[in-house]
N, C-alpha and C. Protein backbone atom coordinates (compact mmCIF):
# COMPACT_ATOMS: atom_id res chain seq x y z
N UNK A 1 3.59 2.77 -18.46
CA UNK A 1 3.01 4.05 -17.98
C UNK A 1 2.82 5.05 -19.10
N UNK A 2 1.58 5.32 -19.16
CA UNK A 2 0.81 5.85 -20.47
C UNK A 2 0.37 7.21 -19.90
N UNK A 3 1.00 8.34 -20.33
CA UNK A 3 0.62 9.67 -20.00
C UNK A 3 -0.39 10.21 -20.73
N UNK A 4 -1.05 9.50 -21.47
CA UNK A 4 -1.98 10.00 -22.63
C UNK A 4 -3.20 10.12 -22.08
N UNK A 5 -4.25 9.79 -22.82
CA UNK A 5 -5.72 9.71 -22.23
C UNK A 5 -6.28 8.55 -21.71
N UNK A 6 -5.58 7.66 -21.99
CA UNK A 6 -6.18 6.37 -21.51
C UNK A 6 -5.82 6.21 -19.94
N UNK A 7 -6.76 6.95 -18.99
CA UNK A 7 -6.65 6.63 -17.51
C UNK A 7 -7.47 5.76 -16.96
N UNK A 8 -7.52 4.99 -16.18
CA UNK A 8 -8.19 3.88 -15.66
C UNK A 8 -7.90 3.93 -14.26
N UNK A 9 -8.79 3.13 -13.64
CA UNK A 9 -8.99 2.79 -12.27
C UNK A 9 -7.88 2.47 -11.38
N UNK A 10 -7.04 1.63 -12.37
CA UNK A 10 -5.59 1.04 -11.96
C UNK A 10 -4.66 1.93 -11.89
N UNK A 11 -4.85 3.05 -12.42
CA UNK A 11 -3.52 4.27 -12.59
C UNK A 11 -3.92 4.79 -11.20
N UNK A 12 -5.17 5.02 -10.91
CA UNK A 12 -5.42 5.77 -9.56
C UNK A 12 -5.07 5.08 -8.42
N UNK A 13 -5.40 3.44 -8.42
CA UNK A 13 -4.92 2.88 -7.31
C UNK A 13 -3.20 2.65 -7.58
N UNK A 14 -2.57 2.57 -8.39
CA UNK A 14 -1.38 2.94 -8.37
C UNK A 14 -0.87 3.94 -8.02
N UNK A 15 -1.18 5.08 -8.21
CA UNK A 15 -0.75 6.48 -7.63
C UNK A 15 -0.96 6.63 -6.32
N UNK A 16 -2.35 6.16 -5.85
CA UNK A 16 -2.57 6.05 -4.09
C UNK A 16 -1.70 5.14 -3.56
N UNK A 17 -1.32 3.96 -4.01
CA UNK A 17 -0.50 2.93 -3.16
C UNK A 17 1.01 3.63 -3.01
N UNK A 18 1.61 4.33 -4.19
CA UNK A 18 3.02 5.36 -4.25
C UNK A 18 2.72 6.08 -3.00
N UNK A 19 1.44 6.84 -3.20
CA UNK A 19 1.54 8.25 -2.30
C UNK A 19 1.63 7.53 -0.83
N UNK A 20 0.61 6.43 -0.50
CA UNK A 20 0.40 6.16 0.68
C UNK A 20 1.79 5.93 1.62
N UNK A 21 2.28 5.08 0.57
CA UNK A 21 3.61 4.72 1.26
C UNK A 21 4.56 5.57 1.17
N UNK A 22 5.06 6.65 0.21
CA UNK A 22 6.08 7.50 -0.05
C UNK A 22 5.67 8.71 1.25
N UNK A 23 4.43 8.94 1.69
CA UNK A 23 4.15 10.12 2.58
C UNK A 23 4.27 9.74 3.87
N UNK A 24 4.66 8.40 4.52
CA UNK A 24 5.16 8.38 5.75
C UNK A 24 6.24 8.85 5.99
N UNK A 25 6.28 9.55 7.00
CA UNK A 25 7.59 10.57 7.43
C UNK A 25 8.50 9.97 8.40
N UNK A 26 9.27 8.94 7.94
CA UNK A 26 9.98 8.22 8.79
C UNK A 26 10.92 8.81 9.70
N UNK A 27 11.81 9.95 9.11
CA UNK A 27 12.70 10.77 9.80
C UNK A 27 12.25 11.36 10.93
N UNK A 28 11.05 11.84 10.60
CA UNK A 28 10.40 12.70 11.91
C UNK A 28 9.94 11.68 13.14
N UNK A 29 9.22 10.73 12.53
CA UNK A 29 8.86 9.60 13.67
C UNK A 29 10.01 9.15 14.37
N UNK A 30 11.15 8.70 13.76
CA UNK A 30 12.05 7.99 14.18
C UNK A 30 12.64 9.16 15.51
N UNK A 31 12.79 10.37 14.54
CA UNK A 31 13.64 11.17 15.80
C UNK A 31 12.76 11.04 16.99
N UNK A 32 11.67 11.64 16.71
CA UNK A 32 10.81 11.80 17.96
C UNK A 32 10.80 10.84 19.04
N UNK A 33 10.70 9.53 18.36
CA UNK A 33 10.51 7.97 19.01
C UNK A 33 11.91 8.02 19.69
N UNK A 34 13.17 8.54 19.46
CA UNK A 34 14.46 8.66 19.89
C UNK A 34 14.64 9.59 21.04
N UNK A 35 13.71 10.64 21.19
CA UNK A 35 13.83 11.79 22.05
C UNK A 35 14.65 12.96 21.53
N UNK A 36 14.84 13.01 19.95
CA UNK A 36 15.59 14.02 19.34
C UNK A 36 14.47 15.18 18.92
N UNK A 37 13.23 15.19 19.20
CA UNK A 37 12.45 16.40 19.02
C UNK A 37 11.96 16.44 17.42
N UNK A 38 11.74 17.63 17.10
CA UNK A 38 11.07 17.70 15.99
C UNK A 38 12.32 17.94 14.70
N UNK A 39 12.40 17.14 13.89
CA UNK A 39 13.56 17.16 13.06
C UNK A 39 13.38 18.38 12.23
N UNK A 40 12.30 18.92 12.10
CA UNK A 40 11.94 19.78 10.94
C UNK A 40 12.06 21.41 11.80
N UNK A 41 12.67 21.42 13.05
CA UNK A 41 13.00 22.41 13.62
C UNK A 41 14.48 22.44 13.79
N UNK A 42 15.48 21.59 13.22
CA UNK A 42 16.52 21.63 13.45
C UNK A 42 17.59 21.50 11.82
N UNK A 43 18.70 21.81 12.14
CA UNK A 43 19.33 21.92 10.93
C UNK A 43 18.91 22.19 9.78
N UNK A 44 18.66 21.64 8.73
CA UNK A 44 18.09 22.02 7.46
C UNK A 44 16.61 22.17 7.57
N UNK A 45 16.07 21.62 8.66
CA UNK A 45 14.82 21.54 8.40
C UNK A 45 14.09 20.16 7.91
N UNK A 46 14.86 19.52 7.07
CA UNK A 46 14.27 18.52 6.28
C UNK A 46 14.19 17.27 6.94
N UNK A 47 13.15 16.31 6.50
CA UNK A 47 13.11 15.02 7.39
C UNK A 47 13.57 13.86 6.83
N UNK A 48 14.70 13.97 5.85
CA UNK A 48 15.39 12.88 5.08
C UNK A 48 16.67 12.49 6.35
N UNK A 49 17.32 11.46 5.77
CA UNK A 49 18.21 11.08 6.41
C UNK A 49 19.42 11.79 6.84
N UNK A 50 19.87 12.91 6.03
CA UNK A 50 21.00 13.70 5.88
C UNK A 50 20.79 14.56 7.02
N UNK A 51 19.60 15.08 7.27
CA UNK A 51 19.23 16.20 8.31
C UNK A 51 19.15 15.21 9.64
N UNK A 52 18.74 14.15 9.54
CA UNK A 52 18.19 13.30 10.88
C UNK A 52 20.00 13.03 11.45
N UNK A 53 21.14 12.88 10.49
CA UNK A 53 22.19 12.62 10.89
C UNK A 53 22.90 13.74 11.85
N UNK A 54 22.24 15.07 11.42
CA UNK A 54 22.50 16.32 12.32
C UNK A 54 22.26 16.13 13.64
N UNK A 55 21.46 15.24 14.17
CA UNK A 55 21.24 15.27 15.69
C UNK A 55 22.35 14.35 16.11
N UNK A 56 23.12 13.87 15.50
CA UNK A 56 24.20 12.99 16.13
C UNK A 56 24.16 11.87 16.17
N UNK A 57 23.17 10.86 15.61
CA UNK A 57 22.82 9.36 15.82
C UNK A 57 23.10 8.87 14.32
N UNK A 58 23.96 8.31 14.06
CA UNK A 58 24.35 7.82 12.82
C UNK A 58 23.58 6.47 12.67
N UNK A 59 22.91 6.00 13.65
CA UNK A 59 22.09 4.63 13.83
C UNK A 59 20.74 5.02 13.11
N UNK A 60 20.30 6.29 13.71
CA UNK A 60 18.97 7.05 13.45
C UNK A 60 18.87 7.45 11.90
N UNK A 61 20.11 7.92 11.71
CA UNK A 61 20.12 8.22 10.37
C UNK A 61 20.29 6.95 9.22
N UNK A 62 20.84 6.08 9.63
CA UNK A 62 20.82 4.71 8.82
C UNK A 62 19.30 4.34 8.44
N UNK A 63 18.55 4.32 9.83
CA UNK A 63 17.47 3.49 10.06
C UNK A 63 16.41 4.53 9.04
N UNK A 64 16.50 5.66 8.74
CA UNK A 64 15.91 6.52 8.26
C UNK A 64 16.01 6.52 6.73
N UNK A 65 17.48 6.40 6.34
CA UNK A 65 17.73 6.06 4.97
C UNK A 65 17.08 4.87 4.40
N UNK A 66 17.29 3.58 5.19
CA UNK A 66 16.75 2.23 4.90
C UNK A 66 15.20 2.37 4.69
N UNK A 67 14.92 3.11 5.52
CA UNK A 67 13.27 3.12 5.62
C UNK A 67 12.41 3.95 4.42
N UNK A 68 13.33 5.08 4.39
CA UNK A 68 12.95 6.05 2.84
C UNK A 68 13.10 5.04 1.73
N UNK A 69 14.22 4.55 1.65
CA UNK A 69 14.33 3.72 0.44
C UNK A 69 13.26 2.42 0.47
N UNK A 70 13.03 2.07 1.37
CA UNK A 70 11.96 0.91 1.33
C UNK A 70 10.62 1.43 0.86
N UNK A 71 10.16 2.40 1.45
CA UNK A 71 8.86 3.22 0.98
C UNK A 71 8.57 3.34 -0.45
N UNK A 72 9.89 3.49 -0.97
CA UNK A 72 9.90 3.65 -2.51
C UNK A 72 9.77 2.42 -3.29
N UNK A 73 10.70 1.51 -2.61
CA UNK A 73 10.69 0.22 -3.39
C UNK A 73 9.47 -0.95 -3.14
N UNK A 74 8.76 -1.00 -1.85
CA UNK A 74 7.97 -1.80 -1.59
C UNK A 74 6.58 -1.59 -2.43
N UNK A 75 5.96 -0.44 -2.68
CA UNK A 75 4.99 -0.02 -3.46
C UNK A 75 5.25 -0.28 -4.95
N UNK A 76 6.52 0.04 -5.54
CA UNK A 76 6.59 -0.31 -6.73
C UNK A 76 6.61 -2.00 -7.08
N UNK A 77 7.32 -2.62 -6.17
CA UNK A 77 6.92 -4.16 -6.29
C UNK A 77 5.81 -4.63 -6.34
N UNK A 78 4.92 -3.89 -5.16
CA UNK A 78 3.27 -4.49 -5.42
C UNK A 78 2.78 -4.15 -6.34
N UNK A 79 3.05 -2.92 -7.04
CA UNK A 79 2.24 -2.50 -8.15
C UNK A 79 2.63 -3.31 -9.61
N UNK A 80 3.89 -3.72 -9.33
CA UNK A 80 4.64 -4.36 -10.71
C UNK A 80 3.78 -5.82 -10.54
N UNK A 81 3.37 -6.26 -9.41
CA UNK A 81 2.98 -7.64 -9.26
C UNK A 81 1.12 -7.43 -9.66
N UNK A 82 0.73 -6.31 -9.26
CA UNK A 82 -0.74 -6.15 -9.50
C UNK A 82 -1.02 -5.71 -10.67
N UNK A 83 -0.22 -4.85 -11.18
CA UNK A 83 -0.54 -3.65 -12.57
C UNK A 83 0.62 -3.34 -13.24
N UNK A 84 1.35 -4.25 -13.88
CA UNK A 84 2.84 -3.70 -14.31
C UNK A 84 2.59 -2.38 -15.22
N UNK A 85 1.71 -2.53 -16.05
CA UNK A 85 1.74 -1.28 -16.72
C UNK A 85 1.62 0.19 -15.89
N UNK A 86 1.09 0.19 -14.97
CA UNK A 86 0.91 1.53 -14.25
C UNK A 86 1.90 1.57 -12.87
N UNK A 87 2.75 0.70 -13.02
CA UNK A 87 3.91 0.66 -11.78
C UNK A 87 4.41 2.20 -11.86
N UNK A 88 4.86 2.54 -13.11
CA UNK A 88 5.32 3.73 -13.17
C UNK A 88 4.75 4.83 -12.29
N UNK A 89 3.51 5.12 -12.40
CA UNK A 89 2.83 5.85 -11.39
C UNK A 89 3.09 5.80 -9.98
N UNK A 90 3.06 4.35 -9.87
CA UNK A 90 3.24 4.21 -8.55
C UNK A 90 4.62 4.54 -8.00
N UNK A 91 5.62 4.60 -8.62
CA UNK A 91 6.77 5.15 -8.60
C UNK A 91 7.10 6.65 -8.49
N UNK A 92 6.41 7.52 -9.45
CA UNK A 92 6.23 8.86 -9.34
C UNK A 92 5.50 9.35 -8.09
N UNK A 93 4.36 8.57 -7.76
CA UNK A 93 3.84 9.07 -6.46
C UNK A 93 4.22 8.63 -5.26
N UNK A 94 5.17 7.76 -5.21
CA UNK A 94 5.85 7.62 -4.00
C UNK A 94 6.83 8.54 -3.67
N UNK A 95 7.41 8.95 -4.83
CA UNK A 95 8.66 10.17 -4.27
C UNK A 95 7.71 11.63 -4.25
N UNK A 96 6.27 11.81 -4.92
CA UNK A 96 5.68 12.94 -4.73
C UNK A 96 5.23 12.66 -2.82
N UNK A 97 4.84 11.54 -2.87
CA UNK A 97 4.44 11.67 -1.23
C UNK A 97 5.40 11.84 -0.37
N UNK A 98 6.45 11.43 -0.68
CA UNK A 98 7.61 11.84 0.38
C UNK A 98 8.05 13.17 0.38
N UNK A 99 8.10 13.80 -0.67
CA UNK A 99 8.22 15.23 -0.80
C UNK A 99 7.15 16.11 -0.52
N UNK A 100 6.05 15.74 -0.59
CA UNK A 100 4.89 16.80 -0.31
C UNK A 100 3.61 15.75 0.50
N UNK A 101 4.08 15.24 1.59
CA UNK A 101 2.89 14.50 2.63
C UNK A 101 1.78 15.32 2.85
N UNK A 102 0.65 14.99 2.93
CA UNK A 102 -0.27 15.64 3.44
C UNK A 102 -0.56 15.88 4.88
N UNK A 103 0.09 14.94 5.72
CA UNK A 103 0.23 14.90 6.72
C UNK A 103 1.11 15.89 7.66
N UNK A 104 2.07 16.38 6.98
CA UNK A 104 2.92 17.47 7.08
C UNK A 104 2.58 18.66 6.61
N UNK A 105 1.43 18.93 6.16
CA UNK A 105 0.91 19.92 5.45
C UNK A 105 1.68 20.16 4.00
N UNK A 106 2.00 19.33 3.35
CA UNK A 106 2.84 18.79 2.13
C UNK A 106 4.11 19.39 2.07
N UNK A 107 4.62 19.37 3.31
CA UNK A 107 6.15 19.86 3.50
C UNK A 107 7.12 18.77 3.98
N UNK A 108 7.55 18.00 3.03
CA UNK A 108 8.50 16.85 3.25
C UNK A 108 9.81 16.91 3.10
N UNK A 109 10.52 15.69 2.55
CA UNK A 109 11.69 15.59 2.14
C UNK A 109 12.04 16.01 0.74
N UNK A 110 13.25 15.69 0.37
CA UNK A 110 13.60 15.90 -1.34
C UNK A 110 13.65 14.73 -2.15
N UNK A 111 13.34 13.65 -1.65
CA UNK A 111 13.09 12.48 -2.63
C UNK A 111 14.26 11.38 -2.97
N UNK A 112 15.38 11.80 -2.12
CA UNK A 112 16.56 11.14 -2.87
C UNK A 112 16.48 9.66 -2.34
N UNK A 113 16.38 9.19 -1.43
CA UNK A 113 16.49 7.89 -0.66
C UNK A 113 15.32 7.14 -1.57
N UNK A 114 14.14 7.81 -1.42
CA UNK A 114 12.87 7.22 -1.87
C UNK A 114 12.96 7.00 -3.30
N UNK A 115 13.63 7.44 -4.05
CA UNK A 115 13.98 7.50 -5.77
C UNK A 115 14.99 6.28 -5.49
N UNK A 116 15.76 6.29 -4.63
CA UNK A 116 16.65 5.00 -4.85
C UNK A 116 15.94 3.59 -4.83
N UNK A 117 15.05 3.78 -3.96
CA UNK A 117 14.03 2.36 -3.65
C UNK A 117 13.05 2.22 -4.87
N UNK A 118 12.53 3.42 -5.58
CA UNK A 118 11.74 3.32 -6.64
C UNK A 118 12.72 2.73 -7.90
N UNK A 119 13.92 3.10 -8.05
CA UNK A 119 14.97 2.62 -8.93
C UNK A 119 15.15 1.22 -8.95
N UNK A 120 15.12 0.75 -7.63
CA UNK A 120 15.80 -0.77 -7.51
C UNK A 120 14.06 -1.35 -7.80
N UNK A 121 13.35 -0.89 -7.46
CA UNK A 121 11.78 -1.45 -7.75
C UNK A 121 11.36 -1.53 -9.49
N UNK A 122 11.65 -0.39 -9.81
CA UNK A 122 11.29 -0.79 -11.43
C UNK A 122 12.56 -1.64 -12.15
N UNK A 123 13.68 -1.50 -11.73
CA UNK A 123 14.54 -2.67 -12.57
C UNK A 123 15.96 -2.56 -11.57
N UNK A 124 16.15 -3.84 -11.37
CA UNK A 124 17.31 -3.84 -10.31
C UNK A 124 18.50 -3.14 -11.00
N UNK A 125 19.11 -3.15 -12.41
CA UNK A 125 20.11 -2.40 -12.80
C UNK A 125 20.03 -1.26 -12.72
N UNK A 126 18.59 -0.47 -12.76
CA UNK A 126 18.76 1.01 -12.29
C UNK A 126 19.14 1.40 -11.06
N UNK A 127 18.57 0.26 -10.06
CA UNK A 127 18.97 0.58 -8.62
C UNK A 127 20.60 0.60 -8.36
N UNK A 128 21.12 -0.23 -9.32
CA UNK A 128 22.31 -0.42 -9.29
C UNK A 128 23.33 0.76 -9.66
N UNK A 129 22.75 1.46 -10.81
CA UNK A 129 23.47 2.55 -11.27
C UNK A 129 23.36 3.55 -10.24
N UNK A 130 22.12 4.08 -9.75
CA UNK A 130 21.68 4.92 -8.69
C UNK A 130 22.38 4.86 -7.52
N UNK A 131 22.62 3.48 -6.78
CA UNK A 131 23.64 3.52 -5.78
C UNK A 131 24.97 3.69 -5.93
N UNK A 132 25.58 3.15 -7.08
CA UNK A 132 26.84 3.41 -7.42
C UNK A 132 27.22 4.70 -7.56
N UNK A 133 26.43 5.80 -8.22
CA UNK A 133 26.55 7.11 -8.51
C UNK A 133 26.53 7.84 -7.22
N UNK A 134 25.59 7.72 -6.64
CA UNK A 134 25.31 8.02 -5.45
C UNK A 134 26.40 8.01 -4.39
N UNK A 135 26.81 6.66 -3.89
CA UNK A 135 27.68 6.47 -2.99
C UNK A 135 29.01 6.86 -3.57
N UNK A 136 29.01 6.88 -4.74
CA UNK A 136 30.65 7.27 -5.45
C UNK A 136 30.71 8.83 -5.28
N UNK A 137 29.80 9.61 -5.96
CA UNK A 137 29.80 10.94 -5.81
C UNK A 137 30.08 11.51 -4.28
N UNK A 138 29.15 10.64 -3.14
CA UNK A 138 29.14 11.11 -1.89
C UNK A 138 30.66 10.89 -1.12
N UNK A 139 31.16 9.97 -1.55
CA UNK A 139 32.42 9.40 -1.12
C UNK A 139 33.47 10.65 -1.65
N UNK A 140 33.40 10.83 -2.93
CA UNK A 140 34.47 11.94 -3.55
C UNK A 140 34.14 13.37 -2.77
N UNK A 141 32.78 13.73 -2.71
CA UNK A 141 32.35 15.34 -2.19
C UNK A 141 32.02 15.20 -1.04
N UNK A 142 31.42 14.46 -0.32
CA UNK A 142 31.04 14.41 0.72
C UNK A 142 29.71 15.40 1.09
N UNK A 143 29.11 15.81 -0.22
CA UNK A 143 28.20 16.71 -0.39
C UNK A 143 26.83 15.71 -0.92
N UNK A 144 25.79 15.49 0.09
CA UNK A 144 24.81 14.85 -0.05
C UNK A 144 24.05 15.33 -1.19
N UNK A 145 23.68 16.71 -1.30
CA UNK A 145 22.70 16.93 -2.16
C UNK A 145 23.27 16.59 -3.82
N UNK A 146 24.52 16.75 -3.89
CA UNK A 146 24.97 16.85 -5.25
C UNK A 146 25.13 15.40 -5.30
N UNK A 147 25.40 14.32 -4.38
CA UNK A 147 25.53 12.94 -4.51
C UNK A 147 23.71 12.66 -5.09
N UNK A 148 22.93 13.04 -4.47
CA UNK A 148 21.70 12.67 -4.81
C UNK A 148 21.08 13.27 -6.34
N UNK A 149 21.41 14.50 -6.54
CA UNK A 149 20.89 15.06 -7.93
C UNK A 149 22.04 14.19 -8.85
N UNK A 150 23.14 13.90 -8.69
CA UNK A 150 23.69 13.25 -9.75
C UNK A 150 23.24 11.82 -10.18
N UNK A 151 22.64 11.29 -8.87
CA UNK A 151 22.27 9.87 -8.80
C UNK A 151 20.94 9.50 -9.73
N UNK A 152 19.98 10.78 -9.57
CA UNK A 152 18.75 10.80 -10.28
C UNK A 152 18.78 11.10 -11.49
N UNK A 153 19.71 11.97 -12.12
CA UNK A 153 19.82 12.14 -13.62
C UNK A 153 20.64 10.93 -14.25
N UNK A 154 21.54 10.50 -13.51
CA UNK A 154 22.42 9.07 -14.10
C UNK A 154 21.48 7.82 -14.35
N UNK A 155 20.42 7.85 -13.26
CA UNK A 155 19.60 6.67 -13.54
C UNK A 155 18.51 6.70 -14.80
N UNK A 156 18.15 8.26 -14.80
CA UNK A 156 17.15 8.55 -16.10
C UNK A 156 18.09 8.18 -17.59
N UNK A 157 19.39 8.58 -17.35
CA UNK A 157 20.21 8.19 -18.65
C UNK A 157 20.42 7.00 -18.63
N UNK A 158 20.51 6.12 -17.64
CA UNK A 158 20.77 4.84 -17.75
C UNK A 158 19.42 4.09 -18.29
N UNK A 159 18.00 4.15 -17.92
CA UNK A 159 17.04 3.63 -18.24
C UNK A 159 16.87 4.05 -19.80
N UNK A 160 17.52 5.01 -20.51
CA UNK A 160 17.33 5.32 -22.00
C UNK A 160 18.28 4.52 -22.77
N UNK A 161 19.53 4.37 -21.92
CA UNK A 161 20.59 3.62 -22.40
C UNK A 161 20.30 2.37 -22.56
N UNK A 162 19.42 1.67 -21.40
CA UNK A 162 19.14 0.21 -21.63
C UNK A 162 18.22 0.05 -22.32
N UNK A 163 17.43 0.86 -22.56
CA UNK A 163 16.11 0.84 -24.03
C UNK A 163 14.79 0.34 -23.11
N UNK A 164 14.68 1.16 -22.08
CA UNK A 164 13.39 1.28 -21.23
C UNK A 164 12.86 2.05 -21.04
N UNK A 165 12.21 2.60 -22.40
CA UNK A 165 11.21 3.97 -22.42
C UNK A 165 10.33 4.24 -21.63
N UNK A 166 9.57 3.24 -21.10
CA UNK A 166 8.58 3.79 -20.00
C UNK A 166 9.11 4.06 -18.90
N UNK A 167 10.31 3.64 -18.49
CA UNK A 167 10.73 3.96 -17.06
C UNK A 167 11.58 5.40 -17.30
N UNK A 168 12.01 5.69 -18.50
CA UNK A 168 12.59 6.84 -18.76
C UNK A 168 11.81 7.94 -18.41
N UNK A 169 10.40 8.02 -18.73
CA UNK A 169 9.50 9.01 -18.58
C UNK A 169 9.40 9.16 -17.30
N UNK A 170 9.08 8.15 -16.44
CA UNK A 170 8.87 8.61 -15.09
C UNK A 170 10.20 8.89 -14.32
N UNK A 171 11.42 8.50 -14.70
CA UNK A 171 12.28 9.10 -14.22
C UNK A 171 12.89 10.44 -14.37
N UNK A 172 12.62 10.57 -15.42
CA UNK A 172 12.67 12.09 -15.96
C UNK A 172 12.16 13.16 -15.01
N UNK A 173 10.42 12.51 -14.80
CA UNK A 173 9.86 13.49 -14.23
C UNK A 173 10.25 13.50 -12.76
N UNK A 174 10.73 12.37 -12.07
CA UNK A 174 11.25 12.38 -10.92
C UNK A 174 12.51 13.20 -10.64
N UNK A 175 13.46 13.08 -11.31
CA UNK A 175 14.75 13.89 -11.56
C UNK A 175 14.44 15.36 -11.51
N UNK A 176 13.31 15.88 -12.63
CA UNK A 176 12.98 17.17 -12.55
C UNK A 176 12.69 17.70 -11.22
N UNK A 177 11.77 16.73 -10.44
CA UNK A 177 11.03 17.03 -9.37
C UNK A 177 12.22 17.32 -7.96
N UNK A 178 13.11 16.35 -8.05
CA UNK A 178 14.07 16.50 -7.02
C UNK A 178 15.14 17.63 -7.37
N UNK A 179 15.46 17.81 -8.75
CA UNK A 179 16.44 19.12 -8.93
C UNK A 179 15.75 20.25 -8.50
N UNK A 180 14.38 20.55 -8.80
CA UNK A 180 13.66 21.56 -8.40
C UNK A 180 13.63 21.91 -6.91
N UNK A 181 13.64 20.85 -5.94
CA UNK A 181 13.42 20.73 -4.88
C UNK A 181 14.82 21.15 -4.08
N UNK A 182 16.01 20.90 -4.93
CA UNK A 182 17.27 21.15 -4.57
C UNK A 182 17.54 22.58 -4.97
N UNK A 183 16.63 23.50 -5.20
CA UNK A 183 17.32 24.54 -6.17
C UNK A 183 17.72 25.75 -5.08
N UNK A 184 17.78 25.46 -3.75
CA UNK A 184 18.46 26.08 -2.77
C UNK A 184 19.98 25.66 -2.71
N UNK A 185 19.82 24.29 -2.68
CA UNK A 185 21.11 23.32 -2.50
C UNK A 185 22.15 23.84 -3.83
N UNK A 186 21.52 23.99 -4.75
CA UNK A 186 22.26 24.13 -6.22
C UNK A 186 22.72 25.86 -5.95
N UNK A 187 22.12 26.68 -5.58
CA UNK A 187 22.74 27.92 -5.13
C UNK A 187 23.95 28.10 -4.05
N UNK A 188 23.99 27.27 -2.89
CA UNK A 188 24.99 27.13 -2.17
C UNK A 188 26.12 26.46 -2.80
N UNK A 189 26.02 25.55 -3.60
CA UNK A 189 26.99 24.96 -4.26
C UNK A 189 27.80 25.73 -5.27
N UNK A 190 26.70 26.44 -5.75
CA UNK A 190 27.55 27.80 -6.73
C UNK A 190 28.45 28.33 -6.06
N UNK A 191 27.85 28.77 -4.48
CA UNK A 191 28.62 29.58 -3.84
C UNK A 191 29.45 29.18 -2.87
N UNK A 192 29.63 27.81 -3.01
CA UNK A 192 30.76 27.24 -2.42
C UNK A 192 30.33 27.02 -1.01
N UNK A 193 29.10 27.12 -0.52
CA UNK A 193 28.69 26.81 1.07
C UNK A 193 27.84 25.94 1.29
N UNK A 194 27.70 24.92 0.30
CA UNK A 194 26.71 23.88 0.63
C UNK A 194 27.38 22.78 1.75
N UNK A 195 26.83 22.78 3.07
CA UNK A 195 27.51 21.86 3.97
C UNK A 195 27.83 20.24 3.62
N UNK A 196 28.82 19.80 3.98
CA UNK A 196 28.88 18.58 3.75
C UNK A 196 28.57 17.47 4.95
N UNK A 197 28.37 16.20 4.51
CA UNK A 197 27.91 15.20 5.37
C UNK A 197 28.66 15.20 6.67
N UNK A 198 27.88 15.02 7.82
CA UNK A 198 28.32 15.23 9.14
C UNK A 198 28.28 16.88 9.53
N UNK A 199 28.16 17.69 9.01
CA UNK A 199 28.41 19.05 9.51
C UNK A 199 26.87 19.28 10.10
N UNK A 200 27.05 20.37 11.19
CA UNK A 200 25.98 20.73 11.97
C UNK A 200 24.94 21.79 11.29
N UNK A 201 25.59 22.25 10.34
CA UNK A 201 24.85 23.16 9.61
C UNK A 201 23.66 22.93 8.82
């Protein structure tokens, strides 16, 4: 993944591939198909699995989680097969697509589950780190936002420690985006008012 001046058509295709997959709003689609209405008008207004869980359907939330993960994993695996050096762009734009889907007026989710898929796609050890930190923090705190932010930071650090500088670049950018999108959550965490998983708020 070269952030310099060497821009090629393969970079464009890599980015478009990631965005096309990432921008599919599975949470919104599944909630509507299940008769739960527009998920954007409920709970936090987010289209991710945590807010889908607030509809009362654990199965629907699990399906959203898996599909959001898959839309990060699949395009990265395709990109690695077709143009390995540019797979980082696919990873980055898969998360961007989830967070800013053109179909929803660029108002999407916060990228946590999609970044999990991206991490597994880039290198399975990174995915394992992501999953362990995410699930571990979630089990300890029951706060989805804290678990997600911890996981994205831990994965970027792991890429550095594993000696994968190319993936460090993309994961740092993704971590910065995810943390920025969680700025309101961070304020609530500081105030002690951030809702826990399973709450209706």
